PDB file of N, CA and C in Angstrom:
ATOM      1  N   GLN A   1      23.653 200.517  71.386  1.00  0.00           N
ATOM      2  CA  GLN A   1      23.986 199.069  71.309  1.00  0.00           C
ATOM      3  C   GLN A   1      25.386 198.970  71.694  1.00  0.00           C
ATOM      4  N   VAL A   2      25.604 197.676  72.137  1.00  0.00           N
ATOM      5  CA  VAL A   2      27.133 197.350  72.461  1.00  0.00           C
ATOM      6  C   VAL A   2      27.322 196.062  71.893  1.00  0.00           C
ATOM      7  N   GLN A   3      28.453 195.907  71.031  1.00  0.00           N
ATOM      8  CA  GLN A   3      28.905 194.583  70.474  1.00  0.00           C
ATOM      9  C   GLN A   3      29.931 194.137  71.404  1.00  0.00           C
ATOM     10  N   LEU A   4      30.009 192.959  71.885  1.00  0.00           N
ATOM     11  CA  LEU A   4      31.088 192.290  72.549  1.00  0.00           C
ATOM     12  C   LEU A   4      31.562 191.048  71.634  1.00  0.00           C
ATOM     13  N   VAL A   5      32.948 191.172  71.530  1.00  0.00           N
ATOM     14  CA  VAL A   5      33.592 189.909  70.824  1.00  0.00           C
ATOM     15  C   VAL A   5      34.683 189.536  71.639  1.00  0.00           C
ATOM     16  N   GLU A   6      34.492 188.096  71.965  1.00  0.00           N
ATOM     17  CA  GLU A   6      35.402 187.500  72.903  1.00  0.00           C
ATOM     18  C   GLU A   6      36.379 186.698  71.950  1.00  0.00           C
ATOM     19  N   SER A   7      37.450 186.293  72.720  1.00  0.00           N
ATOM     20  CA  SER A   7      38.585 185.626  72.122  1.00  0.00           C
ATOM     21  C   SER A   7      39.431 185.070  73.070  1.00  0.00           C
ATOM     22  N   GLY A   8      40.300 184.007  72.854  1.00  0.00           N
ATOM     23  CA  GLY A   8      41.033 183.410  73.678  1.00  0.00           C
ATOM     24  C   GLY A   8      40.857 181.984  74.376  1.00  0.00           C
ATOM     25  N   GLY A   9      39.663 181.619  73.893  1.00  0.00           N
ATOM     26  CA  GLY A   9      39.341 180.335  74.584  1.00  0.00           C
ATOM     27  C   GLY A   9      40.207 179.113  73.889  1.00  0.00           C
ATOM     28  N   GLY A  10      40.001 177.857  74.434  1.00  0.00           N
ATOM     29  CA  GLY A  10      40.707 176.786  73.759  1.00  0.00           C
ATOM     30  C   GLY A  10      40.768 175.534  74.605  1.00  0.00           C
ATOM     31  N   LEU A  11      41.644 174.612  74.248  1.00  0.00           N
ATOM     32  CA  LEU A  11      41.732 173.345  74.966  1.00  0.00           C
ATOM     33  C   LEU A  11      43.111 173.360  75.583  1.00  0.00           C
ATOM     34  N   VAL A  12      43.042 173.176  76.884  1.00  0.00           N
ATOM     35  CA  VAL A  12      44.297 173.112  77.671  1.00  0.00           C
ATOM     36  C   VAL A  12      44.320 171.916  78.608  1.00  0.00           C
ATOM     37  N   GLN A  13      45.501 171.691  79.171  1.00  0.00           N
ATOM     38  CA  GLN A  13      45.436 170.658  80.418  1.00  0.00           C
ATOM     39  C   GLN A  13      45.210 171.378  81.662  1.00  0.00           C
ATOM     40  N   ALA A  14      44.878 170.462  82.551  1.00  0.00           N
ATOM     41  CA  ALA A  14      44.773 170.863  83.976  1.00  0.00           C
ATOM     42  C   ALA A  14      46.137 171.544  84.460  1.00  0.00           C
ATOM     43  N   GLY A  15      45.904 172.695  85.191  1.00  0.00           N
ATOM     44  CA  GLY A  15      47.116 173.416  85.714  1.00  0.00           C
ATOM     45  C   GLY A  15      47.548 174.580  84.768  1.00  0.00           C
ATOM     46  N   ASP A  16      47.249 174.482  83.480  1.00  0.00           N
ATOM     47  CA  ASP A  16      47.458 175.407  82.508  1.00  0.00           C
ATOM     48  C   ASP A  16      46.767 176.820  82.911  1.00  0.00           C
ATOM     49  N   SER A  17      47.191 177.847  81.963  1.00  0.00           N
ATOM     50  CA  SER A  17      46.555 179.211  82.067  1.00  0.00           C
ATOM     51  C   SER A  17      45.970 179.593  80.793  1.00  0.00           C
ATOM     52  N   LEU A  18      44.930 180.392  80.782  1.00  0.00           N
ATOM     53  CA  LEU A  18      44.461 181.002  79.517  1.00  0.00           C
ATOM     54  C   LEU A  18      44.003 182.573  79.983  1.00  0.00           C
ATOM     55  N   ARG A  19      44.009 183.278  78.928  1.00  0.00           N
ATOM     56  CA  ARG A  19      43.481 184.665  79.038  1.00  0.00           C
ATOM     57  C   ARG A  19      42.321 184.895  78.104  1.00  0.00           C
ATOM     58  N   LEU A  20      41.152 185.209  78.598  1.00  0.00           N
ATOM     59  CA  LEU A  20      40.034 185.563  77.700  1.00  0.00           C
ATOM     60  C   LEU A  20      40.042 187.007  77.416  1.00  0.00           C
ATOM     61  N   SER A  21      39.747 187.513  76.191  1.00  0.00           N
ATOM     62  CA  SER A  21      39.494 188.967  76.081  1.00  0.00           C
ATOM     63  C   SER A  21      38.170 189.243  75.585  1.00  0.00           C
ATOM     64  N   CYS A  22      37.716 190.526  75.764  1.00  0.00           N
ATOM     65  CA  CYS A  22      36.353 190.735  75.406  1.00  0.00           C
ATOM     66  C   CYS A  22      36.401 192.165  74.805  1.00  0.00           C
ATOM     67  N   ALA A  23      36.452 192.381  73.604  1.00  0.00           N
ATOM     68  CA  ALA A  23      36.470 193.705  72.837  1.00  0.00           C
ATOM     69  C   ALA A  23      35.112 194.302  72.765  1.00  0.00           C
ATOM     70  N   ALA A  24      34.872 195.502  73.222  1.00  0.00           N
ATOM     71  CA  ALA A  24      33.673 196.186  73.073  1.00  0.00           C
ATOM     72  C   ALA A  24      33.664 197.348  72.039  1.00  0.00           C
ATOM     73  N   SER A  25      32.512 197.545  71.606  1.00  0.00           N
ATOM     74  CA  SER A  25      32.295 198.769  70.570  1.00  0.00           C
ATOM     75  C   SER A  25      30.833 199.203  70.794  1.00  0.00           C
ATOM     76  N   GLY A  26      30.574 200.433  70.321  1.00  0.00           N
ATOM     77  CA  GLY A  26      29.237 200.871  70.275  1.00  0.00           C
ATOM     78  C   GLY A  26      28.751 201.685  71.307  1.00  0.00           C
ATOM     79  N   ARG A  27      29.306 201.816  72.314  1.00  0.00           N
ATOM     80  CA  ARG A  27      29.062 202.657  73.656  1.00  0.00           C
ATOM     81  C   ARG A  27      30.280 202.952  74.415  1.00  0.00           C
ATOM     82  N   THR A  28      30.230 203.990  75.073  1.00  0.00           N
ATOM     83  CA  THR A  28      31.362 204.276  75.901  1.00  0.00           C
ATOM     84  C   THR A  28      31.556 203.119  76.984  1.00  0.00           C
ATOM     85  N   PHE A  29      32.770 202.581  76.541  1.00  0.00           N
ATOM     86  CA  PHE A  29      33.075 201.373  77.435  1.00  0.00           C
ATOM     87  C   PHE A  29      33.243 201.667  78.990  1.00  0.00           C
ATOM     88  N   SER A  30      33.832 202.826  79.340  1.00  0.00           N
ATOM     89  CA  SER A  30      33.995 203.060  80.701  1.00  0.00           C
ATOM     90  C   SER A  30      32.660 203.355  81.535  1.00  0.00           C
ATOM     91  N   SER A  31      31.528 203.373  80.784  1.00  0.00           N
ATOM     92  CA  SER A  31      30.121 203.589  81.451  1.00  0.00           C
ATOM     93  C   SER A  31      29.537 202.130  81.905  1.00  0.00           C
ATOM     94  N   LEU A  32      30.208 201.085  81.615  1.00  0.00           N
ATOM     95  CA  LEU A  32      29.729 199.936  81.647  1.00  0.00           C
ATOM     96  C   LEU A  32      30.455 199.022  82.786  1.00  0.00           C
ATOM     97  N   ALA A  33      29.582 198.361  83.535  1.00  0.00           N
ATOM     98  CA  ALA A  33      30.279 197.350  84.437  1.00  0.00           C
ATOM     99  C   ALA A  33      30.288 196.046  83.550  1.00  0.00           C
ATOM    100  N   MET A  34      31.415 195.258  83.747  1.00  0.00           N
ATOM    101  CA  MET A  34      31.625 194.048  83.051  1.00  0.00           C
ATOM    102  C   MET A  34      31.622 192.804  83.765  1.00  0.00           C
ATOM    103  N   GLY A  35      31.400 191.720  83.128  1.00  0.00           N
ATOM    104  CA  GLY A  35      31.445 190.552  83.993  1.00  0.00           C
ATOM    105  C   GLY A  35      31.706 189.424  83.026  1.00  0.00           C
ATOM    106  N   TRP A  36      32.105 188.214  83.660  1.00  0.00           N
ATOM    107  CA  TRP A  36      32.387 186.999  82.836  1.00  0.00           C
ATOM    108  C   TRP A  36      31.394 185.844  83.535  1.00  0.00           C
ATOM    109  N   PHE A  37      30.849 185.210  82.634  1.00  0.00           N
ATOM    110  CA  PHE A  37      29.877 184.112  83.101  1.00  0.00           C
ATOM    111  C   PHE A  37      30.405 182.927  82.493  1.00  0.00           C
ATOM    112  N   ARG A  38      29.940 181.750  82.958  1.00  0.00           N
ATOM    113  CA  ARG A  38      30.271 180.516  82.216  1.00  0.00           C
ATOM    114  C   ARG A  38      29.181 179.513  82.384  1.00  0.00           C
ATOM    115  N   GLN A  39      29.046 178.662  81.315  1.00  0.00           N
ATOM    116  CA  GLN A  39      28.106 177.522  81.336  1.00  0.00           C
ATOM    117  C   GLN A  39      28.457 176.305  81.059  1.00  0.00           C
ATOM    118  N   ALA A  40      28.628 175.411  82.228  1.00  0.00           N
ATOM    119  CA  ALA A  40      29.297 174.080  82.029  1.00  0.00           C
ATOM    120  C   ALA A  40      28.175 173.231  81.478  1.00  0.00           C
ATOM    121  N   PRO A  41      28.494 172.103  80.860  1.00  0.00           N
ATOM    122  CA  PRO A  41      27.530 171.193  80.169  1.00  0.00           C
ATOM    123  C   PRO A  41      26.571 170.583  81.168  1.00  0.00           C
ATOM    124  N   GLY A  42      25.289 170.868  80.853  1.00  0.00           N
ATOM    125  CA  GLY A  42      24.248 170.448  81.739  1.00  0.00           C
ATOM    126  C   GLY A  42      23.970 171.303  82.810  1.00  0.00           C
ATOM    127  N   LYS A  43      24.484 172.422  82.921  1.00  0.00           N
ATOM    128  CA  LYS A  43      24.440 173.392  84.091  1.00  0.00           C
ATOM    129  C   LYS A  43      23.835 174.642  83.713  1.00  0.00           C
ATOM    130  N   GLU A  44      23.388 175.513  84.613  1.00  0.00           N
ATOM    131  CA  GLU A  44      23.049 176.896  84.392  1.00  0.00           C
ATOM    132  C   GLU A  44      24.020 177.684  84.084  1.00  0.00           C
ATOM    133  N   ARG A  45      23.967 178.771  83.397  1.00  0.00           N
ATOM    134  CA  ARG A  45      24.863 179.808  83.403  1.00  0.00           C
ATOM    135  C   ARG A  45      25.222 180.493  84.531  1.00  0.00           C
ATOM    136  N   GLU A  46      26.480 180.730  85.093  1.00  0.00           N
ATOM    137  CA  GLU A  46      26.778 181.370  86.325  1.00  0.00           C
ATOM    138  C   GLU A  46      27.752 182.488  86.213  1.00  0.00           C
ATOM    139  N   VAL A  47      27.712 183.496  86.974  1.00  0.00           N
ATOM    140  CA  VAL A  47      28.595 184.498  86.981  1.00  0.00           C
ATOM    141  C   VAL A  47      29.891 184.000  87.661  1.00  0.00           C
ATOM    142  N   VAL A  48      31.151 184.267  87.043  1.00  0.00           N
ATOM    143  CA  VAL A  48      32.325 183.959  87.759  1.00  0.00           C
ATOM    144  C   VAL A  48      33.106 185.148  88.245  1.00  0.00           C
ATOM    145  N   ALA A  49      33.057 186.307  87.451  1.00  0.00           N
ATOM    146  CA  ALA A  49      33.762 187.460  88.003  1.00  0.00           C
ATOM    147  C   ALA A  49      33.122 188.633  87.310  1.00  0.00           C
ATOM    148  N   ALA A  50      33.289 189.731  88.111  1.00  0.00           N
ATOM    149  CA  ALA A  50      32.692 191.097  87.559  1.00  0.00           C
ATOM    150  C   ALA A  50      33.534 192.290  88.110  1.00  0.00           C
ATOM    151  N   ILE A  51      33.470 193.315  87.540  1.00  0.00           N
ATOM    152  CA  ILE A  51      34.317 194.592  87.733  1.00  0.00           C
ATOM    153  C   ILE A  51      33.521 195.719  87.392  1.00  0.00           C
ATOM    154  N   THR A  52      33.889 196.620  88.303  1.00  0.00           N
ATOM    155  CA  THR A  52      33.202 198.122  88.130  1.00  0.00           C
ATOM    156  C   THR A  52      33.748 198.765  87.033  1.00  0.00           C
ATOM    157  N   TRP A  53      33.148 199.905  86.539  1.00  0.00           N
ATOM    158  CA  TRP A  53      33.669 200.772  85.535  1.00  0.00           C
ATOM    159  C   TRP A  53      35.154 201.202  85.754  1.00  0.00           C
ATOM    160  N   SER A  54      35.603 201.484  86.826  1.00  0.00           N
ATOM    161  CA  SER A  54      36.857 201.972  87.101  1.00  0.00           C
ATOM    162  C   SER A  54      37.884 200.985  87.599  1.00  0.00           C
ATOM    163  N   SER A  55      37.359 199.715  87.556  1.00  0.00           N
ATOM    164  CA  SER A  55      38.194 198.690  88.251  1.00  0.00           C
ATOM    165  C   SER A  55      38.584 198.859  89.686  1.00  0.00           C
ATOM    166  N   GLY A  56      37.696 199.676  90.220  1.00  0.00           N
ATOM    167  CA  GLY A  56      37.956 199.999  91.644  1.00  0.00           C
ATOM    168  C   GLY A  56      37.394 198.765  92.587  1.00  0.00           C
ATOM    169  N   SER A  57      36.490 198.089  92.029  1.00  0.00           N
ATOM    170  CA  SER A  57      35.841 197.035  92.704  1.00  0.00           C
ATOM    171  C   SER A  57      35.787 195.726  92.031  1.00  0.00           C
ATOM    172  N   THR A  58      36.136 194.420  92.425  1.00  0.00           N
ATOM    173  CA  THR A  58      35.895 193.258  91.601  1.00  0.00           C
ATOM    174  C   THR A  58      35.200 192.260  92.661  1.00  0.00           C
ATOM    175  N   TRP A  59      34.638 191.162  91.751  1.00  0.00           N
ATOM    176  CA  TRP A  59      34.026 190.069  92.715  1.00  0.00           C
ATOM    177  C   TRP A  59      34.296 188.927  91.837  1.00  0.00           C
ATOM    178  N   TYR A  60      34.451 187.615  92.827  1.00  0.00           N
ATOM    179  CA  TYR A  60      34.589 186.380  92.201  1.00  0.00           C
ATOM    180  C   TYR A  60      33.770 185.340  92.822  1.00  0.00           C
ATOM    181  N   ALA A  61      33.292 184.390  92.106  1.00  0.00           N
ATOM    182  CA  ALA A  61      32.760 183.382  92.636  1.00  0.00           C
ATOM    183  C   ALA A  61      33.877 182.490  93.544  1.00  0.00           C
ATOM    184  N   ASP A  62      33.299 181.841  94.581  1.00  0.00           N
ATOM    185  CA  ASP A  62      34.205 181.068  95.343  1.00  0.00           C
ATOM    186  C   ASP A  62      34.910 180.036  94.584  1.00  0.00           C
ATOM    187  N   SER A  63      34.419 179.500  93.740  1.00  0.00           N
ATOM    188  CA  SER A  63      34.883 178.331  92.861  1.00  0.00           C
ATOM    189  C   SER A  63      36.237 178.845  92.012  1.00  0.00           C
ATOM    190  N   VAL A  64      36.267 180.355  92.006  1.00  0.00           N
ATOM    191  CA  VAL A  64      37.366 180.660  91.177  1.00  0.00           C
ATOM    192  C   VAL A  64      38.310 181.564  91.851  1.00  0.00           C
ATOM    193  N   LYS A  65      38.012 181.985  93.044  1.00  0.00           N
ATOM    194  CA  LYS A  65      38.683 182.974  93.743  1.00  0.00           C
ATOM    195  C   LYS A  65      40.107 182.357  94.027  1.00  0.00           C
ATOM    196  N   GLY A  66      41.148 183.375  93.751  1.00  0.00           N
ATOM    197  CA  GLY A  66      42.505 183.035  93.867  1.00  0.00           C
ATOM    198  C   GLY A  66      43.089 182.492  92.644  1.00  0.00           C
ATOM    199  N   ARG A  67      42.373 182.102  91.717  1.00  0.00           N
ATOM    200  CA  ARG A  67      42.811 181.511  90.430  1.00  0.00           C
ATOM    201  C   ARG A  67      42.653 182.421  89.145  1.00  0.00           C
ATOM    202  N   PHE A  68      41.443 183.185  89.247  1.00  0.00           N
ATOM    203  CA  PHE A  68      41.000 183.802  88.269  1.00  0.00           C
ATOM    204  C   PHE A  68      41.235 185.326  88.459  1.00  0.00           C
ATOM    205  N   THR A  69      41.425 186.144  87.489  1.00  0.00           N
ATOM    206  CA  THR A  69      41.555 187.558  87.661  1.00  0.00           C
ATOM    207  C   THR A  69      40.937 188.409  86.568  1.00  0.00           C
ATOM    208  N   ILE A  70      39.958 189.210  87.028  1.00  0.00           N
ATOM    209  CA  ILE A  70      39.241 189.942  85.918  1.00  0.00           C
ATOM    210  C   ILE A  70      39.867 191.419  85.998  1.00  0.00           C
ATOM    211  N   SER A  71      40.053 192.072  84.752  1.00  0.00           N
ATOM    212  CA  SER A  71      40.683 193.327  84.780  1.00  0.00           C
ATOM    213  C   SER A  71      39.970 194.001  83.418  1.00  0.00           C
ATOM    214  N   ARG A  72      40.302 195.209  83.226  1.00  0.00           N
ATOM    215  CA  ARG A  72      39.735 195.933  82.048  1.00  0.00           C
ATOM    216  C   ARG A  72      40.782 197.132  81.600  1.00  0.00           C
ATOM    217  N   ASP A  73      40.701 197.460  80.495  1.00  0.00           N
ATOM    218  CA  ASP A  73      41.616 198.611  79.931  1.00  0.00           C
ATOM    219  C   ASP A  73      40.504 199.402  79.178  1.00  0.00           C
ATOM    220  N   ASN A  74      40.284 200.531  79.885  1.00  0.00           N
ATOM    221  CA  ASN A  74      39.134 201.396  79.123  1.00  0.00           C
ATOM    222  C   ASN A  74      39.689 202.133  78.062  1.00  0.00           C
ATOM    223  N   ALA A  75      40.957 202.252  77.966  1.00  0.00           N
ATOM    224  CA  ALA A  75      41.457 202.873  76.793  1.00  0.00           C
ATOM    225  C   ALA A  75      41.406 202.023  75.552  1.00  0.00           C
ATOM    226  N   LYS A  76      41.535 200.788  75.842  1.00  0.00           N
ATOM    227  CA  LYS A  76      41.312 199.747  74.681  1.00  0.00           C
ATOM    228  C   LYS A  76      39.972 199.112  74.525  1.00  0.00           C
ATOM    229  N   ASN A  77      39.010 199.627  75.299  1.00  0.00           N
ATOM    230  CA  ASN A  77      37.618 199.087  75.401  1.00  0.00           C
ATOM    231  C   ASN A  77      37.609 197.624  75.453  1.00  0.00           C
ATOM    232  N   THR A  78      38.540 197.128  76.322  1.00  0.00           N
ATOM    233  CA  THR A  78      38.483 195.638  76.457  1.00  0.00           C
ATOM    234  C   THR A  78      38.502 195.123  77.922  1.00  0.00           C
ATOM    235  N   ALA A  79      37.960 194.112  78.121  1.00  0.00           N
ATOM    236  CA  ALA A  79      37.903 193.402  79.413  1.00  0.00           C
ATOM    237  C   ALA A  79      38.780 192.062  79.190  1.00  0.00           C
ATOM    238  N   TYR A  80      39.091 191.601  80.296  1.00  0.00           N
ATOM    239  CA  TYR A  80      40.088 190.340  80.384  1.00  0.00           C
ATOM    240  C   TYR A  80      39.511 189.445  81.514  1.00  0.00           C
ATOM    241  N   LEU A  81      39.784 188.084  81.258  1.00  0.00           N
ATOM    242  CA  LEU A  81      39.756 187.146  82.385  1.00  0.00           C
ATOM    243  C   LEU A  81      40.812 186.275  82.369  1.00  0.00           C
ATOM    244  N   ARG A  82      41.784 186.457  83.178  1.00  0.00           N
ATOM    245  CA  ARG A  82      42.989 185.589  83.330  1.00  0.00           C
ATOM    246  C   ARG A  82      42.590 184.556  84.174  1.00  0.00           C
ATOM    247  N   MET A  83      42.927 183.237  83.681  1.00  0.00           N
ATOM    248  CA  MET A  83      42.509 181.960  84.451  1.00  0.00           C
ATOM    249  C   MET A  83      43.802 181.204  84.484  1.00  0.00           C
ATOM    250  N   ASN A  84      44.159 181.032  85.950  1.00  0.00           N
ATOM    251  CA  ASN A  84      45.391 180.259  86.170  1.00  0.00           C
ATOM    252  C   ASN A  84      44.913 178.977  86.846  1.00  0.00           C
ATOM    253  N   SER A  85      45.736 178.056  87.030  1.00  0.00           N
ATOM    254  CA  SER A  85      45.530 176.710  87.679  1.00  0.00           C
ATOM    255  C   SER A  85      44.318 176.250  87.299  1.00  0.00           C
ATOM    256  N   LEU A  86      44.044 176.039  85.915  1.00  0.00           N
ATOM    257  CA  LEU A  86      42.785 175.481  85.442  1.00  0.00           C
ATOM    258  C   LEU A  86      42.490 174.274  85.900  1.00  0.00           C
ATOM    259  N   LYS A  87      41.236 173.902  86.132  1.00  0.00           N
ATOM    260  CA  LYS A  87      40.825 172.675  86.467  1.00  0.00           C
ATOM    261  C   LYS A  87      39.857 171.937  85.407  1.00  0.00           C
ATOM    262  N   PRO A  88      39.582 170.814  85.373  1.00  0.00           N
ATOM    263  CA  PRO A  88      38.610 170.277  84.467  1.00  0.00           C
ATOM    264  C   PRO A  88      37.154 170.751  84.794  1.00  0.00           C
ATOM    265  N   GLU A  89      36.903 171.169  85.963  1.00  0.00           N
ATOM    266  CA  GLU A  89      35.554 171.597  86.343  1.00  0.00           C
ATOM    267  C   GLU A  89      35.322 173.001  85.846  1.00  0.00           C
ATOM    268  N   ASP A  90      36.442 173.801  85.424  1.00  0.00           N
ATOM    269  CA  ASP A  90      36.335 175.021  84.773  1.00  0.00           C
ATOM    270  C   ASP A  90      35.822 174.877  83.191  1.00  0.00           C
ATOM    271  N   THR A  91      35.658 173.782  82.756  1.00  0.00           N
ATOM    272  CA  THR A  91      35.262 173.579  81.409  1.00  0.00           C
ATOM    273  C   THR A  91      33.848 174.053  81.165  1.00  0.00           C
ATOM    274  N   GLY A  92      33.665 174.722  80.034  1.00  0.00           N
ATOM    275  CA  GLY A  92      32.357 175.378  79.645  1.00  0.00           C
ATOM    276  C   GLY A  92      32.447 176.458  78.664  1.00  0.00           C
ATOM    277  N   VAL A  93      31.350 177.023  78.356  1.00  0.00           N
ATOM    278  CA  VAL A  93      31.398 178.151  77.356  1.00  0.00           C
ATOM    279  C   VAL A  93      31.424 179.356  78.223  1.00  0.00           C
ATOM    280  N   TYR A  94      32.326 180.266  78.036  1.00  0.00           N
ATOM    281  CA  TYR A  94      32.591 181.451  78.863  1.00  0.00           C
ATOM    282  C   TYR A  94      32.056 182.745  78.034  1.00  0.00           C
ATOM    283  N   TYR A  95      31.208 183.447  78.711  1.00  0.00           N
ATOM    284  CA  TYR A  95      30.419 184.714  78.041  1.00  0.00           C
ATOM    285  C   TYR A  95      31.076 185.974  78.705  1.00  0.00           C
ATOM    286  N   CYS A  96      31.288 186.921  77.931  1.00  0.00           N
ATOM    287  CA  CYS A  96      31.562 188.295  78.394  1.00  0.00           C
ATOM    288  C   CYS A  96      30.150 189.091  78.440  1.00  0.00           C
ATOM    289  N   ALA A  97      29.888 189.650  79.566  1.00  0.00           N
ATOM    290  CA  ALA A  97      28.683 190.485  79.567  1.00  0.00           C
ATOM    291  C   ALA A  97      29.000 191.953  80.081  1.00  0.00           C
ATOM    292  N   ALA A  98      28.128 192.817  79.757  1.00  0.00           N
ATOM    293  CA  ALA A  98      28.050 194.225  80.055  1.00  0.00           C
ATOM    294  C   ALA A  98      26.641 194.649  80.693  1.00  0.00           C
ATOM    295  N   ALA A  99      26.801 195.564  81.572  1.00  0.00           N
ATOM    296  CA  ALA A  99      25.608 196.062  82.233  1.00  0.00           C
ATOM    297  C   ALA A  99      25.788 197.627  82.174  1.00  0.00           C
ATOM    298  N   MET A 100      24.693 198.307  81.826  1.00  0.00           N
ATOM    299  CA  MET A 100      24.640 199.769  81.903  1.00  0.00           C
ATOM    300  C   MET A 100      24.571 200.259  83.065  1.00  0.00           C
ATOM    301  N   SER A 101      25.554 200.148  83.894  1.00  0.00           N
ATOM    302  CA  SER A 101      25.688 200.720  85.171  1.00  0.00           C
ATOM    303  C   SER A 101      27.142 200.680  85.460  1.00  0.00           C
ATOM    304  N   ARG A 102      27.687 201.538  86.277  1.00  0.00           N
ATOM    305  CA  ARG A 102      28.853 201.517  86.693  1.00  0.00           C
ATOM    306  C   ARG A 102      29.277 200.566  87.798  1.00  0.00           C
ATOM    307  N   HIS A 103      28.360 200.029  88.372  1.00  0.00           N
ATOM    308  CA  HIS A 103      28.570 198.941  89.470  1.00  0.00           C
ATOM    309  C   HIS A 103      27.947 197.575  88.826  1.00  0.00           C
ATOM    310  N   PHE A 104      28.550 196.555  89.299  1.00  0.00           N
ATOM    311  CA  PHE A 104      28.221 195.061  88.710  1.00  0.00           C
ATOM    312  C   PHE A 104      27.046 194.397  89.444  1.00  0.00           C
ATOM    313  N   GLY A 105      26.303 195.218  90.334  1.00  0.00           N
ATOM    314  CA  GLY A 105      25.102 194.612  91.005  1.00  0.00           C
ATOM    315  C   GLY A 105      24.222 193.889  90.207  1.00  0.00           C
ATOM    316  N   ILE A 106      23.780 194.346  89.252  1.00  0.00           N
ATOM    317  CA  ILE A 106      22.976 193.605  88.269  1.00  0.00           C
ATOM    318  C   ILE A 106      23.441 192.341  87.685  1.00  0.00           C
ATOM    319  N   LEU A 107      24.712 192.295  87.373  1.00  0.00           N
ATOM    320  CA  LEU A 107      25.306 191.166  87.007  1.00  0.00           C
ATOM    321  C   LEU A 107      25.328 189.944  87.877  1.00  0.00           C
ATOM    322  N   MET A 108      25.031 190.424  89.281  1.00  0.00           N
ATOM    323  CA  MET A 108      25.165 189.271  90.307  1.00  0.00           C
ATOM    324  C   MET A 108      23.796 188.535  90.249  1.00  0.00           C
ATOM    325  N   THR A 109      22.806 189.125  89.544  1.00  0.00           N
ATOM    326  CA  THR A 109      21.325 188.496  89.343  1.00  0.00           C
ATOM    327  C   THR A 109      21.520 187.646  88.184  1.00  0.00           C
ATOM    328  N   GLY A 110      22.534 187.446  87.594  1.00  0.00           N
ATOM    329  CA  GLY A 110      22.515 186.693  86.228  1.00  0.00           C
ATOM    330  C   GLY A 110      22.074 187.569  85.085  1.00  0.00           C
ATOM    331  N   THR A 111      21.655 188.866  85.210  1.00  0.00           N
ATOM    332  CA  THR A 111      21.138 189.601  84.182  1.00  0.00           C
ATOM    333  C   THR A 111      22.250 190.563  83.638  1.00  0.00           C
ATOM    334  N   ALA A 112      22.238 190.769  82.295  1.00  0.00           N
ATOM    335  CA  ALA A 112      23.154 191.502  81.622  1.00  0.00           C
ATOM    336  C   ALA A 112      22.298 192.222  80.433  1.00  0.00           C
ATOM    337  N   ASP A 113      22.818 193.379  80.214  1.00  0.00           N
ATOM    338  CA  ASP A 113      22.318 194.323  79.041  1.00  0.00           C
ATOM    339  C   ASP A 113      22.880 193.757  77.607  1.00  0.00           C
ATOM    340  N   TYR A 114      23.994 193.257  77.704  1.00  0.00           N
ATOM    341  CA  TYR A 114      24.738 192.771  76.605  1.00  0.00           C
ATOM    342  C   TYR A 114      25.428 191.606  76.693  1.00  0.00           C
ATOM    343  N   TRP A 115      25.514 190.709  75.766  1.00  0.00           N
ATOM    344  CA  TRP A 115      26.311 189.426  75.875  1.00  0.00           C
ATOM    345  C   TRP A 115      27.167 189.253  74.734  1.00  0.00           C
ATOM    346  N   GLY A 116      28.405 188.672  74.954  1.00  0.00           N
ATOM    347  CA  GLY A 116      29.328 188.164  73.875  1.00  0.00           C
ATOM    348  C   GLY A 116      28.642 186.834  73.339  1.00  0.00           C
ATOM    349  N   GLN A 117      29.344 186.287  72.210  1.00  0.00           N
ATOM    350  CA  GLN A 117      28.855 185.211  71.594  1.00  0.00           C
ATOM    351  C   GLN A 117      29.450 183.868  72.248  1.00  0.00           C
ATOM    352  N   GLY A 118      30.149 184.011  73.264  1.00  0.00           N
ATOM    353  CA  GLY A 118      30.716 182.835  74.003  1.00  0.00           C
ATOM    354  C   GLY A 118      32.083 182.193  73.483  1.00  0.00           C
ATOM    355  N   SER A 119      32.759 181.710  74.367  1.00  0.00           N
ATOM    356  CA  SER A 119      34.181 181.195  74.054  1.00  0.00           C
ATOM    357  C   SER A 119      34.368 179.950  74.717  1.00  0.00           C
ATOM    358  N   GLN A 120      34.591 178.773  74.110  1.00  0.00           N
ATOM    359  CA  GLN A 120      34.706 177.441  74.737  1.00  0.00           C
ATOM    360  C   GLN A 120      36.030 177.342  75.399  1.00  0.00           C
ATOM    361  N   VAL A 121      36.076 176.895  76.515  1.00  0.00           N
ATOM    362  CA  VAL A 121      37.197 176.563  77.331  1.00  0.00           C
ATOM    363  C   VAL A 121      36.894 175.163  77.739  1.00  0.00           C
ATOM    364  N   THR A 122      38.034 174.393  77.347  1.00  0.00           N
ATOM    365  CA  THR A 122      37.963 172.898  77.783  1.00  0.00           C
ATOM    366  C   THR A 122      39.397 172.510  78.299  1.00  0.00           C
ATOM    367  N   VAL A 123      39.284 171.919  79.592  1.00  0.00           N
ATOM    368  CA  VAL A 123      40.383 171.700  80.471  1.00  0.00           C
ATOM    369  C   VAL A 123      40.385 170.138  80.614  1.00  0.00           C
ATOM    370  N   SER A 124      41.392 169.621  80.149  1.00  0.00           N
ATOM    371  CA  SER A 124      41.490 168.058  80.224  1.00  0.00           C
ATOM    372  C   SER A 124      42.334 167.644  81.407  1.00  0.00           C
ATOM    373  N   SER A 125      42.195 166.616  81.980  1.00  0.00           N
ATOM    374  CA  SER A 125      42.633 166.147  83.060  1.00  0.00           C
ATOM    375  C   SER A 125      44.009 165.319  82.818  1.00  0.00           C
TER     376      SER A 125
END
C-alpha cells in the first residue's frame, strides 16, 4: 500500500504561482511513476503532468506545457508540481497519483494504482 498526502493548494489570482507537494509513504517511492491530475468543475479528471521514477522523463498536457513543472525528490519521498502563470481555467481539484511502474505510461490512460485525497486550486481572474 502507498499513502499519498497532498499539500499546497489554495486561492490565488491569475498570474500567480503555487507549488503542490505529494508526500508518499508505505512503499519504495523510487519504484513508482508519479503524476498529477486535475478535475475542473463539471469536467472529467485529466492528467496534467507525469514523471518517471528517475526523473529522466516527464510529460505535460498541452494546456500546461511551459507553465507547470513536475519534479520529485526520491530522498524525501515527495513529488511536486510547480504551477506558474496560473489561469482561471487551471481551477480544479488536483490529485497526486502513483503507478507501480517506473514509467508513467499507465498514468496516460487515466489509471493509477494510488491516489491522493485531492487539493483545491482556485484561480481568480
